[in-house]
Amino acid sequence: MASLVDYAVSDRQREAILAYEKHGTIGGAAREIGIHRKTLGDHIRKVQLAAAIRGWSPEHDMTKTVPEPYVVKGTSTLYDEDGKQKLQWVKTSVEHEKLVAMMREVIDEMRSDVKPIKPVKLVEKMHQSDMLNLYTLSDAHLGMLAWHEDGGADWDVTIAERVILDAFDCLTQCSPNSSHGVFAQLGDGLHSDGMIPITPGHGHVLDQDSRFHKVVRAAVRIFRSIINKLLCKHETVTVLMAQGNHDPASSVWLQEMFSVLYENNPRVKVVVSPKPYYAIEHGDVMLGFHHGHKTKPAELPEVFLGEFREMYGRTKQTYIHCGHLHSVKVIELNSAIVEQHRTVAARDAYASHNGYKSGRSMNVVTYHKKRLKCFESVYQIDGVKS
């Protein structure tokens, strides 16, 4: 039989719920584990909310739970003349905005269990202080399964890890020793956003390589390796985990987890933002980032002008980077240059059967504080052996 403790997501929450179930009162439970009554009450409220969203709230006759990432949209209960429950209909849906909001509360609890890693030593010594290297990774779709007979190349978690890390080895070696390195993961880093391989917004079934736990482990391992490579090369590193249409909730835990992992390393800054638009200032240059699923490329400059008005005014040139459509495109407008980046992943059955075809690559772009964009190197993935 389900228990409220089954919906706790951290050791602190489990301890609070077990103490509350033992004593039956918030005061007694708070005294036993040595925390304030309000703090214990907050733990209970968060767990009760998580349980109710999944369909478990016995005091309201809700005992039919639903699997992730579904939530209970509503229930209809039929009672007999004695007030006993005879039938119950449970309505479910994937309500993404509620899931993201709940995920943020879950992440707050998970942060307490994440242990920061030791600082990484800088290897390169001579740096160009006015330079910034921007390394982009767009639409990696970790966890996607692609078959060469469908789309021309294979893709799974193992292939993705090898290809992405090989590309970063090459890009870090061929780019200048700039003092600042930026790792911009432009969204859709993960192919699916939970245990069930479907798109969060429309529920389309996806070709998934493996269990979600395995995909998450691979994502953390790959992104940590990239950040550590950049820490060996650059004096400071900025990390961006952008929200995509395939992984909006996962972008939340990626941002929060990496901010904790590197909180003891003053050379690392992890961008944490609930909005899907991000910006970095580098001298006279403003660098903007957005996956591309909310706003079309030609409309992005106007959005960034509204979101980052002060930064826009201080800088002389704006470059906005996006992905989403898996193909390369550069649009030069009056107020900004918008660069759309290619995917690194092979085509899955959906892309192949719908006639979508684009090249695959990753790149590093170097910006000078005064001379603006001054260097670019592209790592071409087409033809890389799977």
Protein backbone atom coordinates (compact mmCIF):
# COMPACT_ATOMS: atom_id res chain seq x y z
CA MET A 1 0.00 0.00 0.00
CA ALA A 2 1.27 3.46 -0.89
CA SER A 3 2.55 5.77 1.83
CA LEU A 4 3.28 9.47 1.82
CA VAL A 5 6.97 8.69 2.31
CA ASP A 6 6.97 7.05 -1.16
CA TYR A 7 6.72 10.54 -2.69
CA ALA A 8 9.61 12.11 -0.77
CA VAL A 9 12.54 13.07 -3.00
CA SER A 10 15.27 13.74 -0.42
CA ASP A 11 16.53 12.31 2.85
CA ARG A 12 15.28 15.42 4.66
CA GLN A 13 11.76 14.91 3.38
CA ARG A 14 11.79 11.19 4.23
CA GLU A 15 12.98 11.92 7.77
CA ALA A 16 10.26 14.54 8.22
CA ILE A 17 7.46 12.30 6.92
CA LEU A 18 8.53 9.29 9.01
CA ALA A 19 8.67 11.43 12.16
CA TYR A 20 5.25 12.91 11.39
CA GLU A 21 3.71 9.48 10.79
CA LYS A 22 5.23 8.27 14.09
CA HIS A 23 4.01 11.16 16.26
CA GLY A 24 0.92 12.28 14.38
CA THR A 25 1.66 15.93 15.14
CA ILE A 26 3.96 18.51 13.53
CA GLY A 27 5.23 19.67 16.93
CA GLY A 28 6.21 16.21 18.11
CA ALA A 29 7.86 15.34 14.81
CA ALA A 30 9.78 18.63 14.71
CA ARG A 31 11.12 18.11 18.25
CA GLU A 32 12.29 14.57 17.48
CA ILE A 33 14.42 15.50 14.46
CA GLY A 34 15.43 18.93 15.76
CA ILE A 35 13.99 21.31 13.17
CA HIS A 36 11.50 24.19 13.30
CA ARG A 37 7.78 23.42 13.09
CA LYS A 38 7.42 25.59 9.98
CA THR A 39 10.28 23.80 8.22
CA LEU A 40 8.75 20.41 8.94
CA GLY A 41 5.36 21.68 7.79
CA ASP A 42 6.90 22.86 4.52
CA HIS A 43 8.39 19.40 3.93
CA ILE A 44 5.02 17.75 4.51
CA ARG A 45 3.21 20.21 2.25
CA LYS A 46 5.62 19.62 -0.64
CA VAL A 47 5.38 15.84 -0.35
CA GLN A 48 1.58 15.97 -0.08
CA LEU A 49 1.46 18.11 -3.23
CA ALA A 50 3.71 15.70 -5.14
CA ALA A 51 1.57 12.76 -3.99
CA ALA A 52 -1.71 14.46 -4.92
CA ILE A 53 -0.45 15.32 -8.41
CA ARG A 54 0.30 11.63 -8.86
CA GLY A 55 -3.18 10.73 -7.54
CA TRP A 56 -2.55 9.76 -3.89
CA SER A 57 -4.51 11.69 -1.26
CA PRO A 58 -6.47 9.22 0.93
CA GLU A 59 -8.24 11.96 2.89
CA HIS A 60 -9.90 12.95 -0.39
CA ASP A 61 -10.58 9.32 -1.41
CA MET A 62 -7.82 9.50 -4.03
CA THR A 63 -5.84 6.24 -3.96
CA LYS A 64 -5.38 5.48 -7.69
CA THR A 65 -1.91 6.65 -8.65
CA VAL A 66 -0.60 7.34 -12.16
CA PRO A 67 2.93 6.84 -13.57
CA GLU A 68 5.37 9.60 -14.48
CA PRO A 69 5.12 11.93 -16.32
CA TYR A 70 1.31 11.87 -16.04
CA VAL A 71 -0.59 13.91 -13.50
CA VAL A 72 -4.13 13.61 -12.22
CA LYS A 73 -6.27 16.17 -13.99
CA GLY A 74 -9.38 15.33 -11.98
CA THR A 75 -11.41 12.56 -10.37
CA SER A 76 -15.08 11.63 -10.41
CA THR A 77 -16.30 9.50 -7.52
CA LEU A 78 -19.62 7.68 -7.16
CA TYR A 79 -20.81 7.07 -3.57
CA ASP A 80 -23.67 4.84 -2.38
CA GLU A 81 -26.43 5.92 0.00
CA ASP A 82 -24.18 5.18 3.00
CA GLY A 83 -21.44 7.44 1.69
CA LYS A 84 -19.15 4.58 0.67
CA GLN A 85 -17.21 4.81 -2.55
CA LYS A 86 -18.54 2.58 -5.32
CA LEU A 87 -16.71 3.78 -8.43
CA GLN A 88 -14.03 6.30 -9.28
CA TRP A 89 -12.85 7.67 -12.63
CA VAL A 90 -9.38 9.20 -12.74
CA LYS A 91 -8.64 11.68 -15.51
CA THR A 92 -4.98 12.06 -16.41
CA SER A 93 -2.90 14.32 -18.63
CA VAL A 94 0.65 15.46 -19.12
CA GLU A 95 0.38 19.05 -17.85
CA HIS A 96 3.86 20.27 -18.53
CA GLU A 97 3.85 23.67 -16.85
CA LYS A 98 2.71 22.09 -13.58
CA LEU A 99 5.38 19.42 -13.92
CA VAL A 100 8.09 22.03 -14.41
CA ALA A 101 6.88 23.99 -11.38
CA MET A 102 6.87 20.82 -9.29
CA MET A 103 10.30 19.87 -10.66
CA ARG A 104 11.74 23.11 -9.30
CA GLU A 105 10.57 22.20 -5.80
CA VAL A 106 11.95 18.68 -6.23
CA ILE A 107 15.30 20.10 -7.33
CA ASP A 108 15.48 22.30 -4.22
CA GLU A 109 15.34 19.11 -2.16
CA MET A 110 17.75 17.16 -4.39
CA ARG A 111 20.37 19.93 -4.13
CA SER A 112 20.97 18.98 -0.49
CA ASP A 113 22.08 15.48 -1.55
CA VAL A 114 24.48 16.63 -4.33
CA LYS A 115 28.12 16.89 -3.27
CA PRO A 116 30.27 19.62 -4.93
CA ILE A 117 33.33 18.36 -6.81
CA LYS A 118 36.90 19.52 -6.22
CA PRO A 119 38.17 22.43 -8.35
CA VAL A 120 39.86 21.50 -11.63
CA LYS A 121 43.41 22.79 -12.20
CA LEU A 122 44.13 25.14 -15.07
CA VAL A 123 46.62 23.61 -17.53
CA GLU A 124 47.00 26.35 -20.14
CA LYS A 125 48.93 29.36 -18.82
CA MET A 126 49.02 32.01 -21.55
CA HIS A 127 45.59 33.54 -22.18
CA GLN A 128 44.21 36.32 -24.34
CA SER A 129 42.20 38.35 -21.85
CA ASP A 130 40.01 40.09 -24.44
CA MET A 131 38.87 36.84 -26.05
CA LEU A 132 35.94 34.50 -25.39
CA ASN A 133 35.48 31.03 -26.91
CA LEU A 134 31.87 29.94 -27.40
CA TYR A 135 31.42 26.18 -27.73
CA THR A 136 27.92 25.24 -28.90
CA LEU A 137 26.20 21.89 -28.56
CA SER A 138 22.74 21.88 -30.10
CA ASP A 139 20.12 19.14 -30.28
CA ALA A 140 22.27 16.29 -28.99
CA HIS A 141 19.12 14.23 -28.29
CA LEU A 142 20.87 11.95 -25.82
CA GLY A 143 18.80 8.79 -25.49
CA MET A 144 17.49 8.86 -29.05
CA LEU A 145 17.78 5.67 -31.09
CA ALA A 146 18.52 6.05 -34.80
CA TRP A 147 19.12 3.26 -37.31
CA HIS A 148 21.38 3.74 -40.34
CA GLU A 149 18.88 2.06 -42.66
CA ASP A 150 16.33 4.71 -41.68
CA GLY A 151 18.37 7.91 -41.58
CA GLY A 152 21.83 7.04 -42.87
CA ALA A 153 23.65 6.72 -39.51
CA ASP A 154 23.26 5.06 -36.13
CA TRP A 155 22.77 6.99 -32.88
CA ASP A 156 22.46 5.84 -29.30
CA VAL A 157 23.83 6.84 -25.91
CA THR A 158 27.20 5.14 -26.44
CA ILE A 159 27.74 6.64 -29.92
CA ALA A 160 26.63 10.08 -28.73
CA GLU A 161 29.13 10.13 -25.87
CA ARG A 162 32.04 9.18 -28.11
CA VAL A 163 31.15 11.60 -30.93
CA ILE A 164 30.48 14.59 -28.67
CA LEU A 165 33.63 14.19 -26.57
CA ASP A 166 35.80 13.61 -29.66
CA ALA A 167 34.38 16.82 -31.13
CA PHE A 168 35.18 18.80 -27.98
CA ASP A 169 38.71 17.42 -27.90
CA CYS A 170 39.21 18.74 -31.42
CA LEU A 171 37.55 22.11 -30.83
CA THR A 172 39.49 22.87 -27.64
CA GLN A 173 42.79 22.03 -29.36
CA CYS A 174 42.22 24.14 -32.47
CA SER A 175 40.71 27.24 -30.82
CA PRO A 176 42.63 30.18 -29.27
CA ASN A 177 43.61 30.22 -25.60
CA SER A 178 40.93 32.74 -24.67
CA SER A 179 40.59 33.63 -21.01
CA HIS A 180 36.85 32.92 -21.00
CA GLY A 181 35.16 29.77 -22.28
CA VAL A 182 31.39 29.36 -22.67
CA PHE A 183 29.71 25.97 -22.98
CA ALA A 184 26.28 26.59 -24.53
CA GLN A 185 24.13 23.47 -24.54
CA LEU A 186 21.33 24.96 -26.66
CA GLY A 187 18.51 22.62 -25.66
CA ASP A 188 17.16 19.18 -26.56
CA GLY A 189 20.24 17.79 -24.90
CA LEU A 190 17.99 14.92 -23.82
CA HIS A 191 15.65 13.28 -26.31
CA SER A 192 12.84 12.70 -23.79
CA ASP A 193 11.90 14.34 -20.51
CA GLY A 194 11.00 11.40 -18.29
CA MET A 195 10.33 7.69 -17.90
CA ILE A 196 7.88 7.56 -20.81
CA PRO A 197 9.52 8.35 -24.20
CA ILE A 198 7.14 11.00 -25.50
CA THR A 199 7.42 14.68 -26.35
CA PRO A 200 6.28 16.80 -23.38
CA GLY A 201 4.13 19.18 -25.39
CA HIS A 202 2.22 16.89 -27.75
CA GLY A 203 2.78 13.35 -26.52
CA HIS A 204 4.42 12.06 -29.71
CA VAL A 205 6.06 8.66 -29.21
CA LEU A 206 9.86 8.81 -29.51
CA ASP A 207 12.53 6.28 -30.51
CA GLN A 208 14.30 5.85 -27.16
CA ASP A 209 17.60 4.01 -26.82
CA SER A 210 17.46 3.05 -23.19
CA ARG A 211 16.09 3.55 -19.70
CA PHE A 212 15.82 7.18 -18.63
CA HIS A 213 18.15 6.58 -15.68
CA LYS A 214 20.87 5.46 -18.08
CA VAL A 215 20.31 8.53 -20.28
CA VAL A 216 20.55 10.87 -17.28
CA ARG A 217 23.79 9.26 -16.13
CA ALA A 218 25.26 9.61 -19.61
CA ALA A 219 24.19 13.27 -19.85
CA VAL A 220 25.79 14.14 -16.51
CA ARG A 221 28.96 12.25 -17.43
CA ILE A 222 29.27 13.92 -20.86
CA PHE A 223 28.56 17.45 -19.64
CA ARG A 224 30.96 17.09 -16.70
CA SER A 225 33.70 15.91 -19.05
CA ILE A 226 33.13 18.91 -21.32
CA ILE A 227 33.20 21.40 -18.44
CA ASN A 228 36.37 19.84 -17.02
CA LYS A 229 38.05 20.05 -20.45
CA LEU A 230 37.21 23.74 -20.65
CA LEU A 231 38.46 24.36 -17.12
CA CYS A 232 41.84 22.97 -18.16
CA LYS A 233 41.99 25.45 -21.05
CA HIS A 234 40.23 28.64 -19.86
CA GLU A 235 40.61 30.82 -16.77
CA THR A 236 36.83 31.13 -16.38
CA VAL A 237 34.01 28.98 -17.75
CA THR A 238 30.30 29.80 -18.14
CA VAL A 239 27.89 26.87 -18.41
CA LEU A 240 24.47 27.19 -20.05
CA MET A 241 21.88 24.41 -20.08
CA ALA A 242 19.12 25.87 -22.24
CA GLN A 243 15.52 24.72 -22.19
CA GLY A 244 14.42 22.79 -25.27
CA ASN A 245 11.08 21.46 -26.44
CA HIS A 246 12.15 17.86 -25.78
CA ASP A 247 13.67 18.48 -22.33
CA PRO A 248 12.18 21.55 -20.58
CA ALA A 249 11.92 19.87 -17.16
CA SER A 250 15.34 18.23 -17.51
CA SER A 251 16.89 21.65 -18.16
CA VAL A 252 15.76 22.59 -14.65
CA TRP A 253 17.62 19.80 -12.88
CA LEU A 254 20.63 20.19 -15.19
CA GLN A 255 20.97 23.88 -14.28
CA GLU A 256 20.45 23.32 -10.58
CA MET A 257 22.62 20.22 -10.27
CA PHE A 258 25.61 21.68 -12.11
CA SER A 259 25.36 24.90 -10.11
CA VAL A 260 25.81 22.79 -6.96
CA LEU A 261 28.49 20.53 -8.44
CA TYR A 262 30.70 23.53 -9.22
CA GLU A 263 29.73 25.85 -6.37
CA ASN A 264 33.19 25.42 -4.80
CA ASN A 265 34.97 26.38 -8.02
CA PRO A 266 35.04 30.18 -8.43
CA ARG A 267 36.17 29.76 -12.05
CA VAL A 268 32.78 28.31 -13.05
CA LYS A 269 29.50 30.16 -13.45
CA VAL A 270 26.36 28.14 -14.21
CA VAL A 271 23.46 30.10 -15.68
CA VAL A 272 20.29 29.38 -13.70
CA SER A 273 17.12 30.94 -15.11
CA PRO A 274 13.46 29.89 -15.36
CA LYS A 275 13.13 31.77 -18.65
CA PRO A 276 14.11 30.16 -21.99
CA TYR A 277 16.13 33.24 -23.03
CA TYR A 278 19.70 33.79 -21.82
CA ALA A 279 22.39 36.45 -22.39
CA ILE A 280 26.09 37.02 -21.63
CA GLU A 281 27.95 40.34 -21.89
CA HIS A 282 31.51 40.36 -23.26
CA GLY A 283 32.83 43.90 -23.70
CA ASP A 284 31.03 45.42 -26.68
CA VAL A 285 29.44 42.07 -27.52
CA MET A 286 26.14 40.67 -26.28
CA LEU A 287 25.66 36.93 -26.75
CA GLY A 288 22.07 35.70 -26.64
CA PHE A 289 20.83 32.11 -26.48
CA HIS A 290 17.48 30.42 -27.07
CA HIS A 291 16.64 26.93 -28.27
CA GLY A 292 14.32 28.25 -30.98
CA HIS A 293 11.10 26.49 -30.02
CA LYS A 294 9.32 29.54 -28.60
CA THR A 295 10.35 32.29 -31.01
CA LYS A 296 11.32 32.21 -34.68
CA PRO A 297 14.92 33.28 -35.47
CA ALA A 298 13.92 36.49 -37.27
CA GLU A 299 11.85 37.57 -34.24
CA LEU A 300 14.49 36.85 -31.59
CA PRO A 301 16.21 40.29 -31.63
CA GLU A 302 12.99 42.01 -30.57
CA VAL A 303 12.48 39.51 -27.73
CA PHE A 304 16.05 39.96 -26.49
CA LEU A 305 15.73 43.74 -26.69
CA GLY A 306 12.77 43.51 -24.34
CA GLU A 307 14.30 40.93 -21.99
CA PHE A 308 17.81 42.44 -21.75
CA ARG A 309 17.26 46.13 -22.51
CA GLU A 310 20.16 47.46 -20.38
CA MET A 311 22.69 44.97 -21.76
CA TYR A 312 21.45 45.66 -25.29
CA GLY A 313 22.08 49.37 -24.72
CA ARG A 314 25.60 48.96 -23.31
CA THR A 315 26.86 46.72 -26.14
CA LYS A 316 27.52 47.51 -29.81
CA GLN A 317 26.83 44.15 -31.45
CA THR A 318 24.44 41.30 -30.58
CA TYR A 319 24.80 37.69 -31.67
CA ILE A 320 21.94 35.33 -30.87
CA HIS A 321 22.48 31.57 -31.05
CA CYS A 322 19.69 29.02 -31.43
CA GLY A 323 19.06 25.46 -32.63
CA HIS A 324 15.83 23.44 -32.82
CA LEU A 325 15.54 23.09 -36.61
CA HIS A 326 18.74 21.02 -36.86
CA SER A 327 20.12 23.03 -39.79
CA VAL A 328 22.58 25.90 -40.15
CA LYS A 329 21.28 29.37 -40.96
CA VAL A 330 22.57 32.91 -40.41
CA ILE A 331 20.24 35.90 -40.45
CA GLU A 332 21.75 39.40 -40.32
CA LEU A 333 19.26 41.98 -39.08
CA ASN A 334 19.58 45.62 -38.12
CA SER A 335 19.85 44.95 -34.39
CA ALA A 336 21.43 41.48 -34.24
CA ILE A 337 22.92 38.55 -36.10
CA VAL A 338 21.05 35.30 -35.46
CA GLU A 339 22.94 32.04 -35.94
CA GLN A 340 21.04 28.77 -36.08
CA HIS A 341 23.17 25.71 -35.34
CA ARG A 342 23.09 22.18 -36.68
CA THR A 343 22.29 19.09 -34.67
CA VAL A 344 24.99 16.61 -33.72
CA ALA A 345 22.60 13.63 -33.77
CA ALA A 346 21.77 11.28 -36.62
CA ARG A 347 18.29 11.30 -38.12
CA ASP A 348 15.69 9.18 -36.37
CA ALA A 349 12.73 7.54 -38.12
CA TYR A 350 10.54 10.65 -37.68
CA ALA A 351 13.04 12.95 -39.38
CA SER A 352 13.82 10.46 -42.12
CA HIS A 353 10.22 9.59 -42.97
CA ASN A 354 9.24 13.26 -43.09
CA GLY A 355 12.07 14.13 -45.45
CA TYR A 356 14.06 16.27 -43.00
CA LYS A 357 17.76 16.25 -43.83
CA SER A 358 20.58 18.43 -42.59
CA GLY A 359 24.28 18.24 -41.91
CA ARG A 360 25.69 17.46 -38.47
CA SER A 361 28.36 19.55 -36.82
CA MET A 362 29.61 21.39 -33.73
CA ASN A 363 31.57 24.61 -33.65
CA VAL A 364 33.58 27.02 -31.55
CA VAL A 365 33.31 30.76 -32.17
CA THR A 366 35.79 33.26 -30.71
CA TYR A 367 34.67 36.80 -29.88
CA HIS A 368 36.91 39.78 -29.12
CA LYS A 369 35.64 42.44 -26.73
CA LYS A 370 36.24 45.13 -29.36
CA ARG A 371 36.74 43.38 -32.70
CA LEU A 372 33.64 41.24 -32.28
CA LYS A 373 33.57 37.84 -34.00
CA CYS A 374 37.08 36.95 -35.09
CA PHE A 375 37.46 33.16 -35.35
CA GLU A 376 35.31 30.09 -36.03
CA SER A 377 36.15 26.42 -36.31
CA VAL A 378 33.62 23.75 -37.31
CA TYR A 379 33.84 20.06 -36.44
CA GLN A 380 31.96 18.18 -39.15
CA ILE A 381 30.24 15.04 -37.86
CA ASP A 382 28.88 13.79 -41.22
CA GLY A 383 30.86 10.74 -42.19
CA VAL A 384 32.05 10.01 -38.62
CA LYS A 385 31.96 6.26 -38.17
CA SER A 386 29.19 5.10 -35.83
